[in-house]
Amino acid sequence: MELKNLFYHRYLGGQHGGLEIPAGHSLRLTDVESGANASLLLFNPRNPLERINLPDTLKCQHTFKLTAGNCVYSDMGRIFCSIVQDDTGWIDSVGGLSNKNHVAKVWGERNYQSDRNDWLQNGHDAMLVEMAKFGLGLRDLAATLNVFSKVETTDDGQLTFVQRHSKAASVVELRFEMDTIVLFSTCPHPMNEAVVYPRNPVDVEMVKSSPVEADDVCLNHCDENRRGFLNTRQYQPVLVD
């Protein structure tokens, strides 16, 4: 079945944007060249106090990594979205956002006033810009989902960043189970220390989702997900076209 494209834009590395995605629609992200990063924050447009909660997301699904079959939870026990496709096999949920100091230390300091579009943006400030468009601020900042990035542990318990974890044309698709504000930044991962500031592009699309069936892999991943779907449907029933 061919899905209808409702929105499409290519974001270069170091850019940012936001969408309000209705329930029953999917966000499809494509790493065009390899080595991209797309950091996401999720909020409830009806009540922005409800936001993405990655600690609970990991805990209730008994995992350190997120990939296809997992769901992404809010801090009220509801499911914002289900990961229905992940060509990378691992989505980082612990690295967070790069900041001004990190970018300046690794790639030097450039600002918009002197360098215009060649300046070097950081994930923290980029996300605050998008949050402000929805009346949100620093106190609303939460841990981000870092699509196309992987952070793993060494044998002695250290966290390490995997360079170019994502391959060219890799797709991650998120199916939204409730109306959601999605804010994103394509700034570098905070553990990325590439020689040159990464400007790897990410294609962002919104498409209509297929209905959730009884044998859905995300729904049946664990008992906690089944309860999460129930909580979400009680809050926002899905209307069938």
C-alpha atoms as a PDB file:
ATOM      1  CA  MET A   1       0.000   0.000   0.000  1.00  0.00           C
ATOM      2  CA  GLU A   2       1.454   3.387  -1.000  1.00  0.00           C
ATOM      3  CA  LEU A   3       1.210   5.989   1.757  1.00  0.00           C
ATOM      4  CA  LYS A   4       0.252   9.543   0.886  1.00  0.00           C
ATOM      5  CA  ASN A   5       2.934  12.137   1.613  1.00  0.00           C
ATOM      6  CA  LEU A   6       1.414  15.044   3.595  1.00  0.00           C
ATOM      7  CA  PHE A   7       4.640  16.940   4.311  1.00  0.00           C
ATOM      8  CA  TYR A   8       8.209  16.742   3.054  1.00  0.00           C
ATOM      9  CA  HIS A   9      11.329  18.802   3.683  1.00  0.00           C
ATOM     10  CA  ARG A  10      15.065  18.137   3.639  1.00  0.00           C
ATOM     11  CA  TYR A  11      16.897  19.557   6.668  1.00  0.00           C
ATOM     12  CA  LEU A  12      20.659  19.962   6.526  1.00  0.00           C
ATOM     13  CA  GLY A  13      22.778  19.251   9.583  1.00  0.00           C
ATOM     14  CA  GLY A  14      22.589  22.125  12.069  1.00  0.00           C
ATOM     15  CA  GLN A  15      18.968  23.028  11.296  1.00  0.00           C
ATOM     16  CA  HIS A  16      15.738  22.574  13.249  1.00  0.00           C
ATOM     17  CA  GLY A  17      11.967  22.491  12.847  1.00  0.00           C
ATOM     18  CA  GLY A  18       8.654  21.436  14.326  1.00  0.00           C
ATOM     19  CA  LEU A  19       5.397  19.759  13.344  1.00  0.00           C
ATOM     20  CA  GLU A  20       2.077  18.966  14.970  1.00  0.00           C
ATOM     21  CA  ILE A  21       1.296  15.391  13.964  1.00  0.00           C
ATOM     22  CA  PRO A  22      -2.243  14.012  14.384  1.00  0.00           C
ATOM     23  CA  ALA A  23      -2.883  10.528  15.708  1.00  0.00           C
ATOM     24  CA  GLY A  24      -2.975   7.998  12.895  1.00  0.00           C
ATOM     25  CA  HIS A  25      -0.086   9.603  11.027  1.00  0.00           C
ATOM     26  CA  SER A  26       3.596   8.728  10.827  1.00  0.00           C
ATOM     27  CA  LEU A  27       6.831  10.692  10.794  1.00  0.00           C
ATOM     28  CA  ARG A  28       9.323   9.149   8.389  1.00  0.00           C
ATOM     29  CA  LEU A  29      12.960  10.209   8.774  1.00  0.00           C
ATOM     30  CA  THR A  30      15.651   9.319   6.229  1.00  0.00           C
ATOM     31  CA  ASP A  31      19.408   9.636   6.703  1.00  0.00           C
ATOM     32  CA  VAL A  32      20.290  10.734   3.184  1.00  0.00           C
ATOM     33  CA  GLU A  33      24.077  10.332   3.201  1.00  0.00           C
ATOM     34  CA  SER A  34      24.951   8.375   6.410  1.00  0.00           C
ATOM     35  CA  GLY A  35      26.020   9.657   9.798  1.00  0.00           C
ATOM     36  CA  ALA A  36      23.136  12.070  10.403  1.00  0.00           C
ATOM     37  CA  ASN A  37      21.528  12.857  13.756  1.00  0.00           C
ATOM     38  CA  ALA A  38      17.940  13.931  14.406  1.00  0.00           C
ATOM     39  CA  SER A  39      17.094  14.841  18.009  1.00  0.00           C
ATOM     40  CA  LEU A  40      13.376  14.787  18.874  1.00  0.00           C
ATOM     41  CA  LEU A  41      11.234  16.182  21.679  1.00  0.00           C
ATOM     42  CA  LEU A  42       7.536  15.291  21.984  1.00  0.00           C
ATOM     43  CA  PHE A  43       4.719  17.214  23.715  1.00  0.00           C
ATOM     44  CA  ASN A  44       0.940  16.908  24.015  1.00  0.00           C
ATOM     45  CA  PRO A  45      -0.585  19.876  22.121  1.00  0.00           C
ATOM     46  CA  ARG A  46      -3.666  19.826  24.378  1.00  0.00           C
ATOM     47  CA  ASN A  47      -1.535  19.939  27.511  1.00  0.00           C
ATOM     48  CA  PRO A  48       2.183  20.623  26.907  1.00  0.00           C
ATOM     49  CA  LEU A  49       2.931  19.675  30.514  1.00  0.00           C
ATOM     50  CA  GLU A  50       2.747  16.124  29.169  1.00  0.00           C
ATOM     51  CA  ARG A  51       6.021  15.392  27.416  1.00  0.00           C
ATOM     52  CA  ILE A  52       8.386  12.635  26.344  1.00  0.00           C
ATOM     53  CA  ASN A  53       9.767  10.542  29.210  1.00  0.00           C
ATOM     54  CA  LEU A  54      12.674   8.403  28.060  1.00  0.00           C
ATOM     55  CA  PRO A  55      13.606   6.946  31.481  1.00  0.00           C
ATOM     56  CA  ASP A  56      10.109   5.462  31.765  1.00  0.00           C
ATOM     57  CA  THR A  57      10.213   4.463  28.083  1.00  0.00           C
ATOM     58  CA  LEU A  58      13.332   2.369  28.694  1.00  0.00           C
ATOM     59  CA  LYS A  59      12.255   1.016  32.074  1.00  0.00           C
ATOM     60  CA  CYS A  60       8.811  -0.245  31.104  1.00  0.00           C
ATOM     61  CA  GLN A  61      10.154  -2.028  28.018  1.00  0.00           C
ATOM     62  CA  HIS A  62      13.145  -3.504  29.881  1.00  0.00           C
ATOM     63  CA  THR A  63      15.748  -2.146  27.454  1.00  0.00           C
ATOM     64  CA  PHE A  64      18.658   0.268  27.064  1.00  0.00           C
ATOM     65  CA  LYS A  65      18.214   0.660  23.312  1.00  0.00           C
ATOM     66  CA  LEU A  66      15.133   1.595  21.324  1.00  0.00           C
ATOM     67  CA  THR A  67      14.355   0.171  17.897  1.00  0.00           C
ATOM     68  CA  ALA A  68      11.473  -1.204  15.804  1.00  0.00           C
ATOM     69  CA  GLY A  69       8.826  -2.762  18.043  1.00  0.00           C
ATOM     70  CA  ASN A  70       9.333  -0.297  20.889  1.00  0.00           C
ATOM     71  CA  CYS A  71       7.077   2.609  21.857  1.00  0.00           C
ATOM     72  CA  VAL A  72       7.907   6.094  23.130  1.00  0.00           C
ATOM     73  CA  TYR A  73       6.042   7.102  26.295  1.00  0.00           C
ATOM     74  CA  SER A  74       4.924  10.358  27.862  1.00  0.00           C
ATOM     75  CA  ASP A  75       5.344  11.165  31.541  1.00  0.00           C
ATOM     76  CA  MET A  76       1.655  10.301  32.016  1.00  0.00           C
ATOM     77  CA  GLY A  77       1.978   6.697  30.892  1.00  0.00           C
ATOM     78  CA  ARG A  78       0.588   7.239  27.413  1.00  0.00           C
ATOM     79  CA  ILE A  79       2.215   6.307  24.125  1.00  0.00           C
ATOM     80  CA  PHE A  80       3.166   9.206  21.894  1.00  0.00           C
ATOM     81  CA  CYS A  81       4.406   6.991  19.090  1.00  0.00           C
ATOM     82  CA  SER A  82       5.420   3.494  18.053  1.00  0.00           C
ATOM     83  CA  ILE A  83       8.667   2.736  16.232  1.00  0.00           C
ATOM     84  CA  VAL A  84       7.390   0.757  13.251  1.00  0.00           C
ATOM     85  CA  GLN A  85      10.604   0.860  11.198  1.00  0.00           C
ATOM     86  CA  ASP A  86      14.240   1.298  12.190  1.00  0.00           C
ATOM     87  CA  ASP A  87      16.832   0.417   9.570  1.00  0.00           C
ATOM     88  CA  THR A  88      19.630   1.325  12.003  1.00  0.00           C
ATOM     89  CA  GLY A  89      18.739  -1.181  14.741  1.00  0.00           C
ATOM     90  CA  TRP A  90      19.462   1.258  17.579  1.00  0.00           C
ATOM     91  CA  ILE A  91      18.109   4.716  18.491  1.00  0.00           C
ATOM     92  CA  ASP A  92      20.003   6.612  21.186  1.00  0.00           C
ATOM     93  CA  SER A  93      18.000   7.782  24.197  1.00  0.00           C
ATOM     94  CA  VAL A  94      20.726   8.762  26.683  1.00  0.00           C
ATOM     95  CA  GLY A  95      23.062  11.178  24.863  1.00  0.00           C
ATOM     96  CA  GLY A  96      20.930  14.317  25.018  1.00  0.00           C
ATOM     97  CA  LEU A  97      21.719  17.501  23.098  1.00  0.00           C
ATOM     98  CA  SER A  98      24.939  19.208  22.092  1.00  0.00           C
ATOM     99  CA  ASN A  99      25.489  22.651  23.605  1.00  0.00           C
ATOM    100  CA  LYS A 100      27.380  25.822  22.718  1.00  0.00           C
ATOM    101  CA  ASN A 101      30.492  24.841  24.677  1.00  0.00           C
ATOM    102  CA  HIS A 102      30.700  21.400  23.045  1.00  0.00           C
ATOM    103  CA  VAL A 103      30.407  22.804  19.525  1.00  0.00           C
ATOM    104  CA  ALA A 104      32.963  25.551  20.195  1.00  0.00           C
ATOM    105  CA  LYS A 105      35.434  23.091  21.729  1.00  0.00           C
ATOM    106  CA  VAL A 106      35.252  20.553  18.889  1.00  0.00           C
ATOM    107  CA  TRP A 107      34.667  22.725  15.804  1.00  0.00           C
ATOM    108  CA  GLY A 108      35.410  26.289  16.856  1.00  0.00           C
ATOM    109  CA  GLU A 109      33.103  29.188  17.560  1.00  0.00           C
ATOM    110  CA  ARG A 110      31.002  30.734  14.807  1.00  0.00           C
ATOM    111  CA  ASN A 111      27.928  32.906  15.280  1.00  0.00           C
ATOM    112  CA  TYR A 112      25.173  34.013  12.952  1.00  0.00           C
ATOM    113  CA  GLN A 113      26.089  37.694  13.203  1.00  0.00           C
ATOM    114  CA  SER A 114      29.494  37.162  11.590  1.00  0.00           C
ATOM    115  CA  ASP A 115      29.105  33.876   9.681  1.00  0.00           C
ATOM    116  CA  ARG A 116      25.435  33.969   8.630  1.00  0.00           C
ATOM    117  CA  ASN A 117      24.325  30.553   7.330  1.00  0.00           C
ATOM    118  CA  ASP A 118      27.791  29.090   7.851  1.00  0.00           C
ATOM    119  CA  TRP A 119      27.520  29.440  11.620  1.00  0.00           C
ATOM    120  CA  LEU A 120      27.635  26.370  13.859  1.00  0.00           C
ATOM    121  CA  GLN A 121      24.378  25.768  15.724  1.00  0.00           C
ATOM    122  CA  ASN A 122      24.068  23.461  18.738  1.00  0.00           C
ATOM    123  CA  GLY A 123      21.199  21.162  19.620  1.00  0.00           C
ATOM    124  CA  HIS A 124      20.327  22.771  22.961  1.00  0.00           C
ATOM    125  CA  ASP A 125      19.841  26.277  21.559  1.00  0.00           C
ATOM    126  CA  ALA A 126      18.174  24.995  18.384  1.00  0.00           C
ATOM    127  CA  MET A 127      15.615  23.085  20.425  1.00  0.00           C
ATOM    128  CA  LEU A 128      14.878  26.111  22.627  1.00  0.00           C
ATOM    129  CA  VAL A 129      14.121  28.138  19.483  1.00  0.00           C
ATOM    130  CA  GLU A 130      11.537  25.567  18.371  1.00  0.00           C
ATOM    131  CA  MET A 131      10.099  25.229  21.872  1.00  0.00           C
ATOM    132  CA  ALA A 132       9.537  28.989  22.103  1.00  0.00           C
ATOM    133  CA  LYS A 133       7.226  28.801  19.067  1.00  0.00           C
ATOM    134  CA  PHE A 134       4.846  26.704  21.197  1.00  0.00           C
ATOM    135  CA  GLY A 135       5.162  28.771  24.380  1.00  0.00           C
ATOM    136  CA  LEU A 136       7.674  26.362  25.918  1.00  0.00           C
ATOM    137  CA  GLY A 137      10.995  27.199  27.567  1.00  0.00           C
ATOM    138  CA  LEU A 138      14.054  25.909  29.368  1.00  0.00           C
ATOM    139  CA  ARG A 139      12.071  24.332  32.204  1.00  0.00           C
ATOM    140  CA  ASP A 140      10.227  22.196  29.632  1.00  0.00           C
ATOM    141  CA  LEU A 141      13.388  20.667  28.162  1.00  0.00           C
ATOM    142  CA  ALA A 142      13.558  16.866  28.502  1.00  0.00           C
ATOM    143  CA  ALA A 143      15.827  14.043  27.356  1.00  0.00           C
ATOM    144  CA  THR A 144      15.753  13.707  23.571  1.00  0.00           C
ATOM    145  CA  LEU A 145      15.370  10.771  21.236  1.00  0.00           C
ATOM    146  CA  ASN A 146      18.444  10.837  18.968  1.00  0.00           C
ATOM    147  CA  VAL A 147      17.465   9.107  15.745  1.00  0.00           C
ATOM    148  CA  PHE A 148      20.304   7.681  13.590  1.00  0.00           C
ATOM    149  CA  SER A 149      22.731   7.817  16.547  1.00  0.00           C
ATOM    150  CA  LYS A 150      24.027   5.016  18.759  1.00  0.00           C
ATOM    151  CA  VAL A 151      25.649   5.180  22.187  1.00  0.00           C
ATOM    152  CA  GLU A 152      26.830   1.857  23.595  1.00  0.00           C
ATOM    153  CA  THR A 153      28.689   0.723  26.696  1.00  0.00           C
ATOM    154  CA  THR A 154      32.188  -0.701  26.873  1.00  0.00           C
ATOM    155  CA  ASP A 155      33.102  -3.694  29.032  1.00  0.00           C
ATOM    156  CA  ASP A 156      34.181  -1.328  31.813  1.00  0.00           C
ATOM    157  CA  GLY A 157      30.879   0.577  31.739  1.00  0.00           C
ATOM    158  CA  GLN A 158      31.891   3.651  29.729  1.00  0.00           C
ATOM    159  CA  LEU A 159      29.491   5.197  27.216  1.00  0.00           C
ATOM    160  CA  THR A 160      30.888   5.507  23.693  1.00  0.00           C
ATOM    161  CA  PHE A 161      29.531   7.097  20.519  1.00  0.00           C
ATOM    162  CA  VAL A 162      29.467   4.962  17.366  1.00  0.00           C
ATOM    163  CA  GLN A 163      30.568   7.056  14.384  1.00  0.00           C
ATOM    164  CA  ARG A 164      28.374   6.721  11.270  1.00  0.00           C
ATOM    165  CA  HIS A 165      26.143   4.148  12.925  1.00  0.00           C
ATOM    166  CA  SER A 166      23.437   4.946  10.394  1.00  0.00           C
ATOM    167  CA  LYS A 167      24.003   4.058   6.741  1.00  0.00           C
ATOM    168  CA  ALA A 168      22.911   6.049   3.689  1.00  0.00           C
ATOM    169  CA  ALA A 169      19.157   5.871   2.967  1.00  0.00           C
ATOM    170  CA  SER A 170      18.370   4.411   6.421  1.00  0.00           C
ATOM    171  CA  VAL A 171      14.760   5.055   7.435  1.00  0.00           C
ATOM    172  CA  VAL A 172      13.178   5.398  10.864  1.00  0.00           C
ATOM    173  CA  GLU A 173       9.385   5.646  10.934  1.00  0.00           C
ATOM    174  CA  LEU A 174       7.383   6.678  13.991  1.00  0.00           C
ATOM    175  CA  ARG A 175       3.623   6.009  14.032  1.00  0.00           C
ATOM    176  CA  PHE A 176       1.807   8.464  16.288  1.00  0.00           C
ATOM    177  CA  GLU A 177      -0.854   7.071  18.595  1.00  0.00           C
ATOM    178  CA  MET A 178      -1.980  10.492  19.888  1.00  0.00           C
ATOM    179  CA  ASP A 179      -1.799  14.075  18.654  1.00  0.00           C
ATOM    180  CA  THR A 180       1.764  15.235  19.261  1.00  0.00           C
ATOM    181  CA  ILE A 181       3.970  18.290  18.898  1.00  0.00           C
ATOM    182  CA  VAL A 182       7.250  17.040  17.416  1.00  0.00           C
ATOM    183  CA  LEU A 183      10.266  19.335  17.703  1.00  0.00           C
ATOM    184  CA  PHE A 184      13.534  18.295  16.107  1.00  0.00           C
ATOM    185  CA  SER A 185      17.110  19.381  15.529  1.00  0.00           C
ATOM    186  CA  THR A 186      19.637  17.992  13.072  1.00  0.00           C
ATOM    187  CA  CYS A 187      22.591  19.387  15.035  1.00  0.00           C
ATOM    188  CA  PRO A 188      25.431  16.966  15.849  1.00  0.00           C
ATOM    189  CA  HIS A 189      25.135  14.441  18.661  1.00  0.00           C
ATOM    190  CA  PRO A 190      26.918  15.742  21.805  1.00  0.00           C
ATOM    191  CA  MET A 191      29.379  12.835  21.749  1.00  0.00           C
ATOM    192  CA  ASN A 192      30.256  13.299  18.084  1.00  0.00           C
ATOM    193  CA  GLU A 193      33.812  14.599  17.628  1.00  0.00           C
ATOM    194  CA  ALA A 194      34.102  14.381  13.850  1.00  0.00           C
ATOM    195  CA  VAL A 195      36.879  16.476  12.313  1.00  0.00           C
ATOM    196  CA  VAL A 196      34.398  18.639  10.378  1.00  0.00           C
ATOM    197  CA  TYR A 197      31.062  19.918  11.747  1.00  0.00           C
ATOM    198  CA  PRO A 198      28.498  17.405  10.400  1.00  0.00           C
ATOM    199  CA  ARG A 199      25.911  18.819   8.025  1.00  0.00           C
ATOM    200  CA  ASN A 200      24.460  15.457   7.004  1.00  0.00           C
ATOM    201  CA  PRO A 201      20.927  15.968   5.639  1.00  0.00           C
ATOM    202  CA  VAL A 202      17.760  14.352   6.977  1.00  0.00           C
ATOM    203  CA  ASP A 203      14.551  13.989   4.955  1.00  0.00           C
ATOM    204  CA  VAL A 204      11.442  14.556   7.082  1.00  0.00           C
ATOM    205  CA  GLU A 205       8.061  13.317   5.853  1.00  0.00           C
ATOM    206  CA  MET A 206       4.596  13.029   7.370  1.00  0.00           C
ATOM    207  CA  VAL A 207       2.381  10.288   5.951  1.00  0.00           C
ATOM    208  CA  LYS A 208      -0.919   8.620   6.807  1.00  0.00           C
ATOM    209  CA  SER A 209      -0.422   5.479   8.886  1.00  0.00           C
ATOM    210  CA  SER A 210      -1.984   2.095   8.378  1.00  0.00           C
ATOM    211  CA  PRO A 211      -4.405   1.133  11.195  1.00  0.00           C
ATOM    212  CA  VAL A 212      -3.078  -0.698  14.243  1.00  0.00           C
ATOM    213  CA  GLU A 213      -4.019  -4.380  13.941  1.00  0.00           C
ATOM    214  CA  ALA A 214      -4.450  -6.913  16.748  1.00  0.00           C
ATOM    215  CA  ASP A 215      -1.114  -8.548  15.880  1.00  0.00           C
ATOM    216  CA  ASP A 216       0.818  -5.253  15.823  1.00  0.00           C
ATOM    217  CA  VAL A 217       4.422  -5.831  16.938  1.00  0.00           C
ATOM    218  CA  CYS A 218       4.595  -2.628  19.011  1.00  0.00           C
ATOM    219  CA  LEU A 219       1.276  -3.294  20.749  1.00  0.00           C
ATOM    220  CA  ASN A 220       2.327  -6.849  21.622  1.00  0.00           C
ATOM    221  CA  HIS A 221       5.966  -6.142  22.481  1.00  0.00           C
ATOM    222  CA  CYS A 222       5.187  -6.452  26.209  1.00  0.00           C
ATOM    223  CA  ASP A 223       2.323  -6.217  28.710  1.00  0.00           C
ATOM    224  CA  GLU A 224       3.362  -2.662  29.526  1.00  0.00           C
ATOM    225  CA  ASN A 225       2.812  -1.605  25.916  1.00  0.00           C
ATOM    226  CA  ARG A 226      -0.652  -3.137  25.864  1.00  0.00           C
ATOM    227  CA  ARG A 227      -1.526  -1.103  28.962  1.00  0.00           C
ATOM    228  CA  GLY A 228       0.068   1.967  27.377  1.00  0.00           C
ATOM    229  CA  PHE A 229      -2.118   1.620  24.276  1.00  0.00           C
ATOM    230  CA  LEU A 230      -5.194   1.267  26.504  1.00  0.00           C
ATOM    231  CA  ASN A 231      -4.278   4.408  28.461  1.00  0.00           C
ATOM    232  CA  THR A 232      -3.771   6.296  25.201  1.00  0.00           C
ATOM    233  CA  ARG A 233      -7.065   5.161  23.670  1.00  0.00           C
ATOM    234  CA  GLN A 234      -8.953   6.137  26.825  1.00  0.00           C
ATOM    235  CA  TYR A 235      -7.499   9.632  26.492  1.00  0.00           C
ATOM    236  CA  GLN A 236      -7.837   9.980  22.718  1.00  0.00           C
ATOM    237  CA  PRO A 237      -9.903   7.388  20.843  1.00  0.00           C
ATOM    238  CA  VAL A 238      -8.834   6.878  17.234  1.00  0.00           C
ATOM    239  CA  LEU A 239     -11.524   7.794  14.715  1.00  0.00           C
ATOM    240  CA  VAL A 240     -11.646   5.483  11.697  1.00  0.00           C
ATOM    241  CA  ASP A 241     -12.085   7.227   8.320  1.00  0.00           C
END
